[in-house]
Amino acid sequence: MGIINIKGNSIIFQKRDETAVLGPWGKDCLRFRSSPNSKITDENWNLLDQPETKCSIKVVKKRRP
C-alpha cells in the first residue's frame, strides 16, 4: 500500500521506491511526473514555462462501513 501526501499545491504518491507527483501547470492544466527511483527532478524538459497559479487541495476522508 502506498502513502499519499499533500505538499504545497501538489499531491505526492509514494510506494516503495516509486514516486508520483500531480500538480497545477498553468491555467486549467495538471502536470504528472513519476520516477521509479524515489526522486523527482524539477526539470521542465520540453515544457513551456507557465505562470504561477493559485489552487487548493481538499482532502476528504471517507469512513469505512
C-alpha atoms as a PDB file:
ATOM      1  CA  MET A   1       0.000   0.000   0.000  1.00  0.00           C
ATOM      2  CA  GLY A   2       1.267   3.481  -0.807  1.00  0.00           C
ATOM      3  CA  ILE A   3       1.320   6.811   1.013  1.00  0.00           C
ATOM      4  CA  ILE A   4      -0.390   9.965  -0.265  1.00  0.00           C
ATOM      5  CA  ASN A   5       0.837  13.367   0.967  1.00  0.00           C
ATOM      6  CA  ILE A   6      -0.099  16.946   0.178  1.00  0.00           C
ATOM      7  CA  LYS A   7       2.872  19.309  -0.202  1.00  0.00           C
ATOM      8  CA  GLY A   8       2.154  22.889  -1.199  1.00  0.00           C
ATOM      9  CA  ASN A   9      -0.165  22.665  -4.190  1.00  0.00           C
ATOM     10  CA  SER A  10       0.827  19.133  -5.230  1.00  0.00           C
ATOM     11  CA  ILE A  11      -0.328  15.621  -4.424  1.00  0.00           C
ATOM     12  CA  ILE A  12       2.533  13.152  -3.874  1.00  0.00           C
ATOM     13  CA  PHE A  13       2.108   9.367  -4.002  1.00  0.00           C
ATOM     14  CA  GLN A  14       4.928   7.116  -2.743  1.00  0.00           C
ATOM     15  CA  LYS A  15       5.177   3.338  -2.817  1.00  0.00           C
ATOM     16  CA  ARG A  16       8.449   1.506  -2.203  1.00  0.00           C
ATOM     17  CA  ASP A  17      10.983   3.445  -4.309  1.00  0.00           C
ATOM     18  CA  GLU A  18       8.373   4.867  -6.700  1.00  0.00           C
ATOM     19  CA  THR A  19       7.199   8.478  -6.514  1.00  0.00           C
ATOM     20  CA  ALA A  20       4.453  10.237  -8.478  1.00  0.00           C
ATOM     21  CA  VAL A  21       3.555  13.941  -8.274  1.00  0.00           C
ATOM     22  CA  LEU A  22       0.390  15.626  -9.571  1.00  0.00           C
ATOM     23  CA  GLY A  23       0.346  19.420  -9.547  1.00  0.00           C
ATOM     24  CA  PRO A  24      -1.010  22.502 -11.338  1.00  0.00           C
ATOM     25  CA  TRP A  25       0.606  23.621 -14.594  1.00  0.00           C
ATOM     26  CA  GLY A  26      -0.798  26.885 -15.885  1.00  0.00           C
ATOM     27  CA  LYS A  27      -4.498  27.611 -16.263  1.00  0.00           C
ATOM     28  CA  ASP A  28      -6.809  24.562 -16.355  1.00  0.00           C
ATOM     29  CA  CYS A  29      -3.972  22.060 -16.647  1.00  0.00           C
ATOM     30  CA  LEU A  30      -2.259  19.424 -14.495  1.00  0.00           C
ATOM     31  CA  ARG A  31       1.293  18.112 -14.674  1.00  0.00           C
ATOM     32  CA  PHE A  32       2.016  14.491 -13.790  1.00  0.00           C
ATOM     33  CA  ARG A  33       5.572  13.373 -13.054  1.00  0.00           C
ATOM     34  CA  SER A  34       6.790   9.997 -11.844  1.00  0.00           C
ATOM     35  CA  SER A  35      10.056   8.244 -11.122  1.00  0.00           C
ATOM     36  CA  PRO A  36      10.999   4.670 -10.219  1.00  0.00           C
ATOM     37  CA  ASN A  37      13.922   5.823  -8.030  1.00  0.00           C
ATOM     38  CA  SER A  38      12.119   7.962  -5.409  1.00  0.00           C
ATOM     39  CA  LYS A  39      13.483  11.332  -6.653  1.00  0.00           C
ATOM     40  CA  ILE A  40      11.620  13.788  -8.860  1.00  0.00           C
ATOM     41  CA  THR A  41      13.658  16.436 -10.664  1.00  0.00           C
ATOM     42  CA  ASP A  42      12.319  19.936 -11.307  1.00  0.00           C
ATOM     43  CA  GLU A  43      13.480  19.910 -14.919  1.00  0.00           C
ATOM     44  CA  ASN A  44      10.929  21.313 -17.372  1.00  0.00           C
ATOM     45  CA  TRP A  45      12.401  19.311 -20.250  1.00  0.00           C
ATOM     46  CA  ASN A  46      10.348  20.422 -23.257  1.00  0.00           C
ATOM     47  CA  LEU A  47       7.504  22.160 -21.399  1.00  0.00           C
ATOM     48  CA  LEU A  48       6.892  25.876 -21.800  1.00  0.00           C
ATOM     49  CA  ASP A  49       7.131  27.959 -18.636  1.00  0.00           C
ATOM     50  CA  GLN A  50       3.729  28.634 -17.090  1.00  0.00           C
ATOM     51  CA  PRO A  51       2.645  31.440 -14.772  1.00  0.00           C
ATOM     52  CA  GLU A  52       2.244  30.593 -11.086  1.00  0.00           C
ATOM     53  CA  THR A  53      -1.338  29.557 -10.424  1.00  0.00           C
ATOM     54  CA  LYS A  54      -3.386  29.541  -7.268  1.00  0.00           C
ATOM     55  CA  CYS A  55      -5.083  26.290  -6.436  1.00  0.00           C
ATOM     56  CA  SER A  56      -6.274  24.388  -3.422  1.00  0.00           C
ATOM     57  CA  ILE A  57      -6.467  20.741  -2.461  1.00  0.00           C
ATOM     58  CA  LYS A  58      -9.248  19.440  -0.280  1.00  0.00           C
ATOM     59  CA  VAL A  59      -8.796  16.074   1.410  1.00  0.00           C
ATOM     60  CA  VAL A  60     -11.978  14.211   2.306  1.00  0.00           C
ATOM     61  CA  LYS A  61     -11.596  11.072   4.378  1.00  0.00           C
ATOM     62  CA  LYS A  62     -14.360   8.532   3.928  1.00  0.00           C
ATOM     63  CA  ARG A  63     -15.291   6.352   6.816  1.00  0.00           C
ATOM     64  CA  ARG A  64     -15.395   2.660   6.190  1.00  0.00           C
ATOM     65  CA  PRO A  65     -18.762   1.000   6.794  1.00  0.00           C
END
